[in-house]
C-alpha cells in the first residue's frame, strides 16, 4: 500500500515535519514549559493543531500527559527546553517507563558543533534519559519522518512507555524537502497475536483440570482494553479476579467475583494470599508485578500451576510460572474458554466469597465517625459512579485503593510502579482537560504531596477546570512515619506545620473549605459537582489515623 504524502512539493522546517507526524498519529495534547531552544517546535506544534498547555513544572506536565492518555487513549507530548527543563522531567519520564505510559518527550538542544565550545546549560540529555526510556533519538535533517514513525511505534508497542527525541536548534529551524509519509493513528496501533502451539495446549490442560482457578490481572490488560474479555471469562467459569491497583475496574468492582486491587496493603494480603496458596490454577492476565510490594515475591507455592499471558518477555524474577503465552489477553482467554465446560464446579467451598466479605469488613469507615476511611467512603457514595479519581503516593493511597470501587478501568489513576509523590493533581488536570465526556474528576492527595505542586493550582485556574481536590491534612508523612515507628526509630524528618489550604485555594481562584465531619463533606461534594472552577476540600484527620488500617 502506498502511503499518502504531506504536500510533497513543499519545503518546510524540521519542526514542521515533527509536528505534522505527531498530528497524523493522533496526538492532540502538548504540556510543558518552553525555552528559547524549543520555540520553533512550539510554533510548529500549535500550527499543526496540537493544543499546548503551559505548566508550572515539567514534572507536572508529564503527569498531565498521562492523565490525557487515560482519558482518550492518545499519546501526549511533554515539551522541555535544554538543561534544567530536561532535568526537571526525569521523575515523570521514569514514572512513564515504570507505569507503562506512552509519552513523547521532545527536548531542545544546541547543535553538536556549538556544544564543543559552549557549555552553558549543556549536558548529554540522551545519556541521562536512556536508562528510563524505551528509546532516545537525536533528530537529523532528512530522516525526521522515519524517526517519528519509529518513535510512535516504539512508544505504543508491547508495554507502552516514553520515547525521547532531542532536537537540535538547526534541525528544528532548518528547511528540509524530505518526503513526509502519513500513516494515521491506525498505522501505529500494536497488533496483538493469538496464542498457539504446545504452550497453549499446556495452558488449556491446566485450566481444564482446575477446581480452584483464580485470575490476577494488571496494567497490560488495561492497556490492551481487555476488561470485557476478562469479565466474560471470569463470569462464565466463576473465576475470582484479583487486580493490581492499575488494574482496578477491569471487572466492575461491584461484581461478586471482583476482589479488588492488591499489592501494597498487608491487611488486604492476609485475605488474598491464602487464596493463591489454595489455588490449583493461577491465570496471570497482563499482570506486571512491578506494582507490587515485596510481600508479592514468590506469593504462591512453587508447585502451583501458573499460566501467564503477557505482551513481552518477563524478566522481573518476582515469581515462577508454568507456561507463558506471548499473546493478547482477550485472544488467549477466548482460546482457553474452549478447554472447559461452563458448568465445571469452581471453588466448591466458596473460599473467595469469604475473602471478599473479610476484605469489605476490614476497610469499613472508622467507628469514631471520622477519619480517612470515612472520607473515602463518603466521597465514593456522594460522587457519581463514573467519577475518575487520582491518588498521590502515601498511606492514604493504600487505604483509598481498597475502598474506592471502580466500575470501569482507569477509574483510579495513580503512580503504582514508581509510587512517586506529586502526581495526583496533574493527573486529574490532564484527564479532565482531555476528557470530552466531562466525567467528574477528584484528586486525593496528602498535605505534603499537595505542597509539592501548589503552582499547578494556577494551571487549574487558567484552564477553568472543575476538578475536586481532597487533601488529607494530618501534618505528617504518615506512611514514612508509620514505617519509622515500626522499625523502632525515633521521630525525625516526617512531621511539619499545618498549611491553610482553603486560603491558598481561594488565592488561586478556586473554592476552599476545611472539612471535619462526614455531613459537611457530603454537602461540599455536591456543591463541587455544579461549580465551574476547582474545589479544594481540606479534610483534617487525626494524627496516626492509618495505624492498623492498611
Protein backbone atom coordinates (compact mmCIF):
# COMPACT_ATOMS: atom_id res chain seq x y z
CA UNK A 1 0.00 0.00 0.00
CA UNK A 2 1.31 3.45 -0.91
CA UNK A 3 1.15 5.90 1.98
CA UNK A 4 -0.05 9.46 1.28
CA UNK A 5 2.50 12.26 1.26
CA UNK A 6 2.18 15.54 3.12
CA UNK A 7 2.24 18.29 0.47
CA UNK A 8 5.08 16.57 -1.37
CA UNK A 9 6.28 19.64 -3.28
CA UNK A 10 6.52 21.96 -0.26
CA UNK A 11 9.66 22.87 1.63
CA UNK A 12 9.22 23.10 5.38
CA UNK A 13 11.13 23.41 8.62
CA UNK A 14 12.23 20.33 10.51
CA UNK A 15 9.93 21.30 13.38
CA UNK A 16 7.01 21.26 10.93
CA UNK A 17 7.80 17.68 9.94
CA UNK A 18 7.87 16.56 13.57
CA UNK A 19 4.60 18.36 14.31
CA UNK A 20 2.85 17.01 11.21
CA UNK A 21 3.81 13.45 12.07
CA UNK A 22 2.59 13.83 15.64
CA UNK A 23 -0.74 15.27 14.49
CA UNK A 24 -1.13 12.48 11.93
CA UNK A 25 -0.50 9.90 14.68
CA UNK A 26 -3.40 11.29 16.70
CA UNK A 27 -1.50 13.38 19.24
CA UNK A 28 -3.61 16.31 20.40
CA UNK A 29 -2.15 17.48 23.71
CA UNK A 30 1.22 19.06 24.48
CA UNK A 31 2.24 20.04 28.01
CA UNK A 32 5.36 21.81 29.04
CA UNK A 33 7.46 24.85 29.86
CA UNK A 34 9.05 26.44 26.78
CA UNK A 35 12.52 27.90 26.47
CA UNK A 36 14.38 29.60 23.66
CA UNK A 37 15.66 26.32 22.25
CA UNK A 38 12.16 24.91 21.60
CA UNK A 39 10.35 27.97 20.23
CA UNK A 40 10.37 26.60 16.67
CA UNK A 41 8.91 23.32 17.95
CA UNK A 42 6.25 25.12 19.97
CA UNK A 43 5.23 27.18 16.95
CA UNK A 44 5.07 24.16 14.69
CA UNK A 45 3.07 22.08 17.17
CA UNK A 46 0.42 24.75 17.64
CA UNK A 47 0.23 25.45 13.88
CA UNK A 48 -0.36 21.73 13.33
CA UNK A 49 -3.41 21.88 15.58
CA UNK A 50 -1.96 20.44 18.77
CA UNK A 51 -3.11 22.13 21.97
CA UNK A 52 -0.30 23.46 24.17
CA UNK A 53 -0.81 23.82 27.92
CA UNK A 54 1.68 25.86 29.89
CA UNK A 55 2.53 24.19 33.20
CA UNK A 56 4.50 25.44 36.18
CA UNK A 57 6.87 22.47 36.28
CA UNK A 58 7.85 19.90 33.67
CA UNK A 59 7.20 17.06 36.13
CA UNK A 60 3.54 18.07 36.38
CA UNK A 61 3.32 18.42 32.62
CA UNK A 62 4.27 14.79 32.13
CA UNK A 63 1.59 13.65 34.55
CA UNK A 64 -0.97 15.79 32.73
CA UNK A 65 0.05 13.96 29.58
CA UNK A 66 -0.56 10.65 31.34
CA UNK A 67 -3.98 11.84 32.51
CA UNK A 68 -4.87 12.73 28.92
CA UNK A 69 -3.71 9.27 27.76
CA UNK A 70 -6.01 7.57 30.25
CA UNK A 71 -8.91 9.80 29.16
CA UNK A 72 -8.53 9.47 25.40
CA UNK A 73 -6.13 6.63 24.58
CA UNK A 74 -3.99 9.11 22.66
CA UNK A 75 -0.29 9.71 23.26
CA UNK A 76 0.64 13.14 24.59
CA UNK A 77 3.80 15.22 24.25
CA UNK A 78 5.92 16.69 27.03
CA UNK A 79 7.94 19.66 25.75
CA UNK A 80 11.00 20.89 27.63
CA UNK A 81 13.94 23.10 26.92
CA UNK A 82 17.55 22.05 27.31
CA UNK A 83 19.39 21.61 30.61
CA UNK A 84 17.16 22.34 33.60
CA UNK A 85 13.99 21.65 31.62
CA UNK A 86 15.19 18.15 30.82
CA UNK A 87 16.44 17.54 34.36
CA UNK A 88 13.14 18.65 35.86
CA UNK A 89 11.33 15.98 33.87
CA UNK A 90 13.43 12.99 34.90
CA UNK A 91 10.97 11.86 37.59
CA UNK A 92 7.91 11.83 35.35
CA UNK A 93 9.79 10.15 32.50
CA UNK A 94 10.90 7.42 34.91
CA UNK A 95 7.29 7.13 36.03
CA UNK A 96 6.10 6.69 32.45
CA UNK A 97 8.76 4.00 31.99
CA UNK A 98 7.75 2.02 35.08
CA UNK A 99 3.99 2.66 34.88
CA UNK A 100 3.81 1.70 31.18
CA UNK A 101 2.61 5.08 29.87
CA UNK A 102 3.33 6.14 26.27
CA UNK A 103 4.80 9.65 26.18
CA UNK A 104 6.77 11.56 23.57
CA UNK A 105 9.35 13.71 25.33
CA UNK A 106 10.54 16.49 23.00
CA UNK A 107 13.58 18.44 24.13
CA UNK A 108 15.63 21.18 22.55
CA UNK A 109 19.40 21.17 22.41
CA UNK A 110 22.25 23.15 20.90
CA UNK A 111 23.94 21.84 17.79
CA UNK A 112 26.79 19.39 18.22
CA UNK A 113 29.47 21.73 16.90
CA UNK A 114 28.31 24.53 19.18
CA UNK A 115 28.33 22.18 22.20
CA UNK A 116 32.07 21.68 21.69
CA UNK A 117 32.76 25.31 22.64
CA UNK A 118 29.62 26.40 24.52
CA UNK A 119 28.78 24.67 27.80
CA UNK A 120 26.12 26.86 29.48
CA UNK A 121 23.18 24.56 30.40
CA UNK A 122 24.62 21.88 28.10
CA UNK A 123 24.88 18.22 29.06
CA UNK A 124 24.16 14.90 27.36
CA UNK A 125 20.37 14.60 27.51
CA UNK A 126 20.39 11.17 25.91
CA UNK A 127 22.89 9.74 28.37
CA UNK A 128 20.73 10.96 31.24
CA UNK A 129 17.50 9.57 29.85
CA UNK A 130 18.44 6.31 28.13
CA UNK A 131 18.02 4.14 31.28
CA UNK A 132 14.41 5.33 31.71
CA UNK A 133 13.05 5.49 28.15
CA UNK A 134 12.22 2.86 25.55
CA UNK A 135 14.32 4.77 23.02
CA UNK A 136 16.13 8.08 22.64
CA UNK A 137 16.61 9.77 19.25
CA UNK A 138 18.72 12.69 18.16
CA UNK A 139 16.83 14.36 15.32
CA UNK A 140 18.65 14.52 11.97
CA UNK A 141 17.58 16.57 8.97
CA UNK A 142 16.42 14.38 6.10
CA UNK A 143 15.27 11.49 8.31
CA UNK A 144 12.69 13.15 10.53
CA UNK A 145 9.64 11.37 9.11
CA UNK A 146 11.24 7.96 9.56
CA UNK A 147 12.39 8.88 13.06
CA UNK A 148 8.86 9.88 14.09
CA UNK A 149 7.48 6.59 12.71
CA UNK A 150 9.94 4.70 14.89
CA UNK A 151 9.24 6.85 17.94
CA UNK A 152 5.47 6.39 17.82
CA UNK A 153 5.67 2.67 17.12
CA UNK A 154 8.12 2.08 19.97
CA UNK A 155 6.09 4.17 22.42
CA UNK A 156 2.98 2.04 21.82
CA UNK A 157 4.39 -1.42 21.17
CA UNK A 158 4.30 -4.19 23.79
CA UNK A 159 4.35 -2.41 27.12
CA UNK A 160 3.89 1.29 26.28
CA UNK A 161 6.44 3.78 27.54
CA UNK A 162 8.26 7.07 26.99
CA UNK A 163 10.35 7.89 23.95
CA UNK A 164 12.77 10.82 23.97
CA UNK A 165 13.56 12.99 20.95
CA UNK A 166 16.37 15.54 21.26
CA UNK A 167 16.01 18.22 18.57
CA UNK A 168 18.98 20.49 17.76
CA UNK A 169 18.02 24.08 17.05
CA UNK A 170 19.37 23.96 13.48
CA UNK A 171 17.27 20.87 12.72
CA UNK A 172 14.08 22.41 14.15
CA UNK A 173 14.57 25.72 12.33
CA UNK A 174 16.30 24.49 9.17
CA UNK A 175 14.46 23.84 5.91
CA UNK A 176 14.00 20.32 4.55
CA UNK A 177 12.39 18.86 1.47
CA UNK A 178 12.27 15.28 2.74
CA UNK A 179 9.07 13.34 1.93
CA UNK A 180 6.66 13.08 4.86
CA UNK A 181 4.52 9.95 4.73
CA UNK A 182 1.21 9.91 6.61
CA UNK A 183 0.13 6.70 8.35
CA UNK A 184 -2.80 7.84 10.53
CA UNK A 185 -3.49 6.68 14.08
CA UNK A 186 -4.21 3.11 12.99
CA UNK A 187 -0.76 2.88 11.45
CA UNK A 188 0.84 2.78 14.88
CA UNK A 189 -1.63 0.52 16.70
CA UNK A 190 0.13 -2.57 18.06
CA UNK A 191 -1.04 -5.92 16.68
CA UNK A 192 -1.97 -8.45 19.36
CA UNK A 193 -1.16 -12.01 18.41
CA UNK A 194 -3.24 -15.10 19.12
CA UNK A 195 -1.74 -17.96 21.16
CA UNK A 196 -0.79 -21.24 19.54
CA UNK A 197 1.36 -24.33 19.89
CA UNK A 198 2.39 -26.51 22.80
CA UNK A 199 2.24 -23.73 25.38
CA UNK A 200 -1.42 -23.11 24.58
CA UNK A 201 -2.16 -26.83 24.83
CA UNK A 202 -0.42 -26.99 28.21
CA UNK A 203 -2.30 -23.92 29.46
CA UNK A 204 -5.62 -25.36 28.31
CA UNK A 205 -4.87 -28.61 30.13
CA UNK A 206 -4.08 -26.75 33.37
CA UNK A 207 -7.27 -24.72 33.19
CA UNK A 208 -9.44 -27.70 32.22
CA UNK A 209 -8.34 -29.68 35.30
CA UNK A 210 -8.56 -26.84 37.80
CA UNK A 211 -11.15 -26.81 40.58
CA UNK A 212 -9.91 -23.61 42.24
CA UNK A 213 -8.81 -21.22 39.47
CA UNK A 214 -8.04 -17.59 40.23
CA UNK A 215 -7.01 -14.74 37.94
CA UNK A 216 -4.65 -11.84 38.60
CA UNK A 217 -4.85 -9.01 36.06
CA UNK A 218 -2.83 -5.85 35.70
CA UNK A 219 -1.71 -2.87 33.69
CA UNK A 220 -1.06 -4.72 30.43
CA UNK A 221 -4.67 -5.92 30.36
CA UNK A 222 -5.79 -2.32 30.89
CA UNK A 223 -3.63 -1.05 28.04
CA UNK A 224 -4.98 -3.80 25.78
CA UNK A 225 -8.59 -2.92 26.62
CA UNK A 226 -9.17 -6.49 27.82
CA UNK A 227 -11.70 -5.67 30.55
CA UNK A 228 -14.80 -7.04 28.75
CA UNK A 229 -12.99 -10.28 27.85
CA UNK A 230 -11.78 -10.74 31.42
CA UNK A 231 -15.24 -10.09 32.83
CA UNK A 232 -16.93 -12.52 30.46
CA UNK A 233 -14.34 -15.24 31.11
CA UNK A 234 -14.46 -14.91 34.90
CA UNK A 235 -18.25 -14.87 34.99
CA UNK A 236 -18.55 -17.85 32.65
CA UNK A 237 -16.21 -20.05 34.68
CA UNK A 238 -16.69 -18.47 38.13
CA UNK A 239 -13.07 -17.39 38.42
CA UNK A 240 -12.44 -14.79 41.16
CA UNK A 241 -10.41 -11.81 39.98
CA UNK A 242 -7.63 -10.01 41.85
CA UNK A 243 -6.11 -6.97 40.14
CA UNK A 244 -3.15 -4.73 40.67
CA UNK A 245 -4.03 -1.15 41.59
CA UNK A 246 -3.61 -0.13 37.95
CA UNK A 247 -5.96 -2.97 37.01
CA UNK A 248 -8.85 -1.87 39.20
CA UNK A 249 -12.09 -1.86 37.23
CA UNK A 250 -11.11 -4.47 34.63
CA UNK A 251 -14.20 -6.09 36.12
CA UNK A 252 -16.81 -3.87 37.77
CA UNK A 253 -15.69 -3.95 41.40
CA UNK A 254 -19.28 -4.20 42.50
CA UNK A 255 -19.41 -7.70 41.00
CA UNK A 256 -19.25 -10.71 43.32
CA UNK A 257 -16.15 -12.15 41.66
CA UNK A 258 -14.16 -8.91 41.93
CA UNK A 259 -11.76 -8.98 44.88
CA UNK A 260 -10.37 -5.51 44.23
CA UNK A 261 -6.85 -4.18 43.91
CA UNK A 262 -3.86 -5.66 45.69
CA UNK A 263 -0.15 -5.27 46.10
CA UNK A 264 0.54 -2.65 48.77
CA UNK A 265 -1.74 -3.40 51.72
CA UNK A 266 -0.59 -6.14 54.14
CA UNK A 267 -4.09 -6.01 55.63
CA UNK A 268 -5.58 -7.00 52.26
CA UNK A 269 -2.83 -9.52 51.59
CA UNK A 270 -3.79 -11.60 54.60
CA UNK A 271 -7.07 -12.42 52.83
CA UNK A 272 -5.82 -12.64 49.24
CA UNK A 273 -2.57 -14.56 49.54
CA UNK A 274 -4.25 -17.60 51.17
CA UNK A 275 -6.44 -17.91 48.06
CA UNK A 276 -3.32 -18.15 45.92
CA UNK A 277 -1.92 -20.79 48.26
CA UNK A 278 -5.09 -22.88 47.80
CA UNK A 279 -5.42 -22.36 44.04
CA UNK A 280 -4.62 -25.12 41.55
CA UNK A 281 -4.59 -22.76 38.55
CA UNK A 282 -3.43 -19.14 38.63
CA UNK A 283 -4.06 -17.17 35.45
CA UNK A 284 -1.89 -14.06 35.07
CA UNK A 285 -3.68 -11.80 32.59
CA UNK A 286 -1.42 -8.91 31.68
CA UNK A 287 -0.14 -8.86 35.26
CA UNK A 288 3.10 -6.97 35.80
CA UNK A 289 4.37 -7.31 39.40
CA UNK A 290 6.30 -4.04 39.15
CA UNK A 291 3.35 -2.57 41.07
CA UNK A 292 3.61 -5.00 43.96
CA UNK A 293 5.38 -4.77 47.30
CA UNK A 294 7.90 -7.36 48.43
CA UNK A 295 5.17 -9.49 50.04
CA UNK A 296 4.19 -10.48 46.48
CA UNK A 297 7.56 -12.01 45.73
CA UNK A 298 7.02 -15.78 45.32
CA UNK A 299 3.40 -15.40 46.50
CA UNK A 300 2.29 -18.97 45.69
CA UNK A 301 3.78 -22.43 46.30
CA UNK A 302 6.41 -23.47 43.77
CA UNK A 303 4.32 -26.42 42.54
CA UNK A 304 1.25 -24.30 41.72
CA UNK A 305 0.27 -24.43 38.04
CA UNK A 306 0.56 -20.86 36.71
CA UNK A 307 -0.36 -19.66 33.22
CA UNK A 308 0.95 -16.24 32.20
CA UNK A 309 -0.43 -14.11 29.37
CA UNK A 310 1.95 -11.26 28.58
CA UNK A 311 2.84 -8.99 25.66
CA UNK A 312 6.58 -9.09 26.38
CA UNK A 313 9.15 -11.38 27.94
CA UNK A 314 9.01 -11.12 31.75
CA UNK A 315 12.42 -10.76 33.38
CA UNK A 316 11.37 -9.49 36.83
CA UNK A 317 12.22 -12.63 38.84
CA UNK A 318 9.34 -11.98 41.26
CA UNK A 319 7.75 -15.40 40.71
CA UNK A 320 7.84 -18.52 38.56
CA UNK A 321 5.24 -19.63 36.02
CA UNK A 322 4.44 -22.99 34.41
CA UNK A 323 3.94 -21.66 30.90
CA UNK A 324 3.91 -18.25 29.22
CA UNK A 325 1.73 -17.23 26.31
CA UNK A 326 3.14 -14.21 24.48
CA UNK A 327 -0.18 -13.01 23.11
CA UNK A 328 -3.10 -10.69 23.67
CA UNK A 329 -5.16 -11.25 26.82
CA UNK A 330 -8.56 -11.28 25.11
CA UNK A 331 -7.36 -13.57 22.32
CA UNK A 332 -5.83 -16.01 24.80
CA UNK A 333 -8.85 -16.14 27.09
CA UNK A 334 -11.03 -16.88 24.07
CA UNK A 335 -8.75 -19.78 23.19
CA UNK A 336 -8.72 -21.13 26.75
CA UNK A 337 -12.51 -20.95 27.03
CA UNK A 338 -12.88 -23.96 24.76
CA UNK A 339 -10.94 -26.17 27.19
CA UNK A 340 -13.54 -26.16 29.95
CA UNK A 341 -17.28 -26.51 30.31
CA UNK A 342 -19.03 -23.56 31.91
CA UNK A 343 -20.76 -26.00 34.28
CA UNK A 344 -17.48 -27.26 35.75
CA UNK A 345 -17.54 -26.50 39.51
CA UNK A 346 -15.22 -23.78 40.77
CA UNK A 347 -14.20 -23.19 44.41
CA UNK A 348 -16.82 -25.58 45.84
CA UNK A 349 -16.16 -24.36 49.39
CA UNK A 350 -16.66 -20.71 48.39
CA UNK A 351 -13.33 -19.55 49.83
CA UNK A 352 -13.17 -16.47 47.59
CA UNK A 353 -16.57 -15.30 48.86
CA UNK A 354 -15.27 -15.46 52.41
CA UNK A 355 -12.20 -13.47 51.38
CA UNK A 356 -14.36 -10.82 49.72
CA UNK A 357 -16.52 -10.45 52.81
CA UNK A 358 -13.46 -10.18 55.02
CA UNK A 359 -11.97 -7.50 52.78
CA UNK A 360 -15.12 -5.44 53.00
CA UNK A 361 -15.21 -5.78 56.77
CA UNK A 362 -11.58 -4.74 57.14
CA UNK A 363 -11.94 -1.45 55.29
CA UNK A 364 -15.13 -0.02 56.76
CA UNK A 365 -15.45 3.61 57.97
CA UNK A 366 -14.00 4.43 61.37
CA UNK A 367 -16.21 3.64 64.36
CA UNK A 368 -15.44 7.16 65.66
CA UNK A 369 -17.36 8.66 62.75
CA UNK A 370 -14.38 10.46 61.18
CA UNK A 371 -11.06 9.57 59.63
CA UNK A 372 -9.58 8.79 56.21
CA UNK A 373 -11.72 5.69 55.60
CA UNK A 374 -14.85 7.72 56.35
CA UNK A 375 -13.65 10.41 53.94
CA UNK A 376 -13.20 7.87 51.14
CA UNK A 377 -16.48 6.04 51.74
CA UNK A 378 -18.39 9.32 51.95
CA UNK A 379 -16.99 10.67 48.70
CA UNK A 380 -17.45 7.37 46.86
CA UNK A 381 -21.14 7.49 47.81
CA UNK A 382 -21.53 11.21 47.13
CA UNK A 383 -19.94 11.28 43.68
CA UNK A 384 -21.32 9.63 40.52
CA UNK A 385 -20.15 6.07 39.68
CA UNK A 386 -18.31 7.29 36.57
CA UNK A 387 -16.17 9.69 38.61
CA UNK A 388 -12.45 9.31 37.88
CA UNK A 389 -10.21 9.51 40.94
CA UNK A 390 -6.49 10.11 41.09
CA UNK A 391 -4.30 9.33 44.07
CA UNK A 392 -0.95 10.61 45.24
CA UNK A 393 1.50 8.30 46.97
CA UNK A 394 1.25 7.82 50.72
CA UNK A 395 -0.75 5.96 53.33
CA UNK A 396 -3.98 7.48 52.04
CA UNK A 397 -3.43 5.89 48.60
CA UNK A 398 -3.18 2.38 50.05
CA UNK A 399 -6.39 2.79 52.03
CA UNK A 400 -8.19 4.57 49.19
CA UNK A 401 -7.30 1.79 46.74
CA UNK A 402 -9.07 -0.75 48.96
CA UNK A 403 -12.16 1.41 49.43
CA UNK A 404 -12.68 3.25 46.13
CA UNK A 405 -14.61 0.89 43.87
CA UNK A 406 -14.20 1.27 40.12
CA UNK A 407 -16.95 0.21 37.70
CA UNK A 408 -14.57 0.54 34.74
CA UNK A 409 -10.82 0.51 34.02
CA UNK A 410 -8.82 3.69 34.58
CA UNK A 411 -11.26 4.76 37.27
CA UNK A 412 -8.48 5.24 39.83
CA UNK A 413 -5.26 6.69 38.43
CA UNK A 414 -2.05 6.68 40.40
CA UNK A 415 1.68 6.11 40.22
CA UNK A 416 1.66 2.42 41.10
CA UNK A 417 5.08 1.28 39.92
CA UNK A 418 7.32 4.25 40.67
CA UNK A 419 5.00 5.36 43.51
CA UNK A 420 6.05 8.98 43.20
CA UNK A 421 4.51 11.87 45.08
CA UNK A 422 3.19 14.94 43.30
CA UNK A 423 1.21 13.08 40.64
CA UNK A 424 -2.45 13.23 41.70
CA UNK A 425 -3.34 16.83 40.90
CA UNK A 426 -1.66 16.96 37.47
CA UNK A 427 -3.11 13.54 36.57
CA UNK A 428 -6.54 14.96 37.39
CA UNK A 429 -5.87 18.12 35.38
CA UNK A 430 -4.75 16.20 32.31
CA UNK A 431 -7.68 13.79 32.43
CA UNK A 432 -10.32 16.49 32.89
CA UNK A 433 -8.68 18.71 30.28
CA UNK A 434 -8.74 16.00 27.60
CA UNK A 435 -11.98 14.20 28.54
CA UNK A 436 -14.68 15.20 26.07
CA UNK A 437 -17.25 13.29 28.16
CA UNK A 438 -16.60 15.65 31.09
CA UNK A 439 -16.62 12.90 33.71
CA UNK A 440 -16.15 14.32 37.23
CA UNK A 441 -12.56 14.06 38.45
CA UNK A 442 -11.30 14.08 42.03
CA UNK A 443 -7.68 14.08 43.20
CA UNK A 444 -6.79 12.55 46.57
CA UNK A 445 -3.56 13.89 47.98
CA UNK A 446 -1.73 14.19 51.28
CA UNK A 447 -0.78 17.59 52.62
CA UNK A 448 2.93 17.14 51.82
CA UNK A 449 2.14 15.90 48.31
CA UNK A 450 -0.10 18.87 47.57
CA UNK A 451 2.59 21.28 48.71
CA UNK A 452 4.99 19.70 46.21
CA UNK A 453 2.99 21.11 43.31
CA UNK A 454 0.88 24.00 44.56
CA UNK A 455 1.79 26.01 41.49
CA UNK A 456 -0.41 23.80 39.33
CA UNK A 457 -3.45 25.26 41.07
CA UNK A 458 -2.84 28.23 38.78
CA UNK A 459 -2.98 25.83 35.82
CA UNK A 460 -6.36 24.64 37.10
CA UNK A 461 -7.46 28.26 37.37
CA UNK A 462 -6.27 29.21 33.90
CA UNK A 463 -7.89 26.16 32.29
CA UNK A 464 -11.13 26.71 34.21
CA UNK A 465 -11.45 23.05 35.13
CA UNK A 466 -13.94 21.90 37.81
CA UNK A 467 -11.55 19.39 39.38
CA UNK A 468 -12.14 18.42 43.01
CA UNK A 469 -9.09 18.10 45.26
CA UNK A 470 -9.39 16.23 48.55
CA UNK A 471 -6.33 16.82 50.71
CA UNK A 472 -5.87 14.69 53.85
CA UNK A 473 -4.34 17.02 56.44
CA UNK A 474 -2.52 15.32 59.31
CA UNK A 475 0.75 17.32 59.28
CA UNK A 476 2.93 14.27 58.68
CA UNK A 477 4.43 11.98 56.08
CA UNK A 478 2.13 9.35 57.54
CA UNK A 479 3.35 6.28 55.69
CA UNK A 480 7.02 7.06 56.38
CA UNK A 481 6.25 7.93 59.99
CA UNK A 482 4.43 4.61 60.36
CA UNK A 483 7.44 2.75 58.94
CA UNK A 484 9.74 4.77 61.18
CA UNK A 485 7.87 3.70 64.29
CA UNK A 486 7.58 0.16 63.02
CA UNK A 487 11.38 -0.11 62.83
CA UNK A 488 11.80 1.40 66.34
CA UNK A 489 13.43 4.56 65.06
CA UNK A 490 12.98 7.97 66.70
CA UNK A 491 10.66 10.51 65.10
CA UNK A 492 12.71 12.61 62.68
CA UNK A 493 12.06 14.46 59.45
CA UNK A 494 8.44 13.40 58.96
CA UNK A 495 6.29 16.00 60.74
CA UNK A 496 5.58 19.60 59.73
CA UNK A 497 3.20 22.50 60.37
CA UNK A 498 -0.31 22.97 59.03
CA UNK A 499 -0.90 25.00 55.88
CA UNK A 500 -4.11 26.94 55.32
CA UNK A 501 -5.03 25.13 52.13
CA UNK A 502 -8.51 26.71 51.78
CA UNK A 503 -6.92 30.16 51.83
CA UNK A 504 -4.43 29.08 49.17
CA UNK A 505 -7.24 27.68 47.02
CA UNK A 506 -9.07 30.99 47.22
CA UNK A 507 -5.88 32.87 46.36
CA UNK A 508 -5.59 30.75 43.21
CA UNK A 509 -9.20 31.46 42.22
CA UNK A 510 -10.83 28.28 43.50
CA UNK A 511 -13.14 27.35 46.35
CA UNK A 512 -11.51 26.01 49.50
CA UNK A 513 -13.01 24.79 52.75
CA UNK A 514 -11.97 22.97 55.91
CA UNK A 515 -13.88 19.71 56.45
CA UNK A 516 -14.01 17.78 59.73
CA UNK A 517 -17.19 15.71 59.51
CA UNK A 518 -18.99 13.50 57.01
CA UNK A 519 -22.10 15.63 56.62
CA UNK A 520 -20.08 18.71 55.65
CA UNK A 521 -18.09 16.58 53.24
CA UNK A 522 -21.24 15.30 51.53
CA UNK A 523 -22.61 18.83 51.17
CA UNK A 524 -19.36 20.25 49.82
CA UNK A 525 -19.00 17.37 47.34
CA UNK A 526 -22.49 18.01 45.99
CA UNK A 527 -21.73 21.70 45.53
CA UNK A 528 -18.38 20.96 43.88
CA UNK A 529 -20.16 18.99 41.15
CA UNK A 530 -22.02 22.09 39.98
CA UNK A 531 -19.19 24.60 40.45
CA UNK A 532 -17.40 25.98 37.38
CA UNK A 533 -13.97 26.24 38.98
CA UNK A 534 -11.93 23.90 41.14
CA UNK A 535 -12.80 22.90 44.70
CA UNK A 536 -10.32 22.07 47.44
CA UNK A 537 -11.64 20.01 50.37
CA UNK A 538 -9.12 20.17 53.21
CA UNK A 539 -10.05 17.22 55.40
CA UNK A 540 -8.43 17.36 58.82
CA UNK A 541 -7.84 13.85 60.09
CA UNK A 542 -6.37 12.65 63.41
CA UNK A 543 -2.68 12.04 63.83
CA UNK A 544 -1.71 8.41 63.17
CA UNK A 545 -5.14 7.77 61.64
CA UNK A 546 -3.77 4.99 59.42
CA UNK A 547 -2.49 2.82 62.27
CA UNK A 548 -3.92 -0.67 61.84
CA UNK A 549 -5.90 0.36 58.76
CA UNK A 550 -3.61 -0.60 55.86
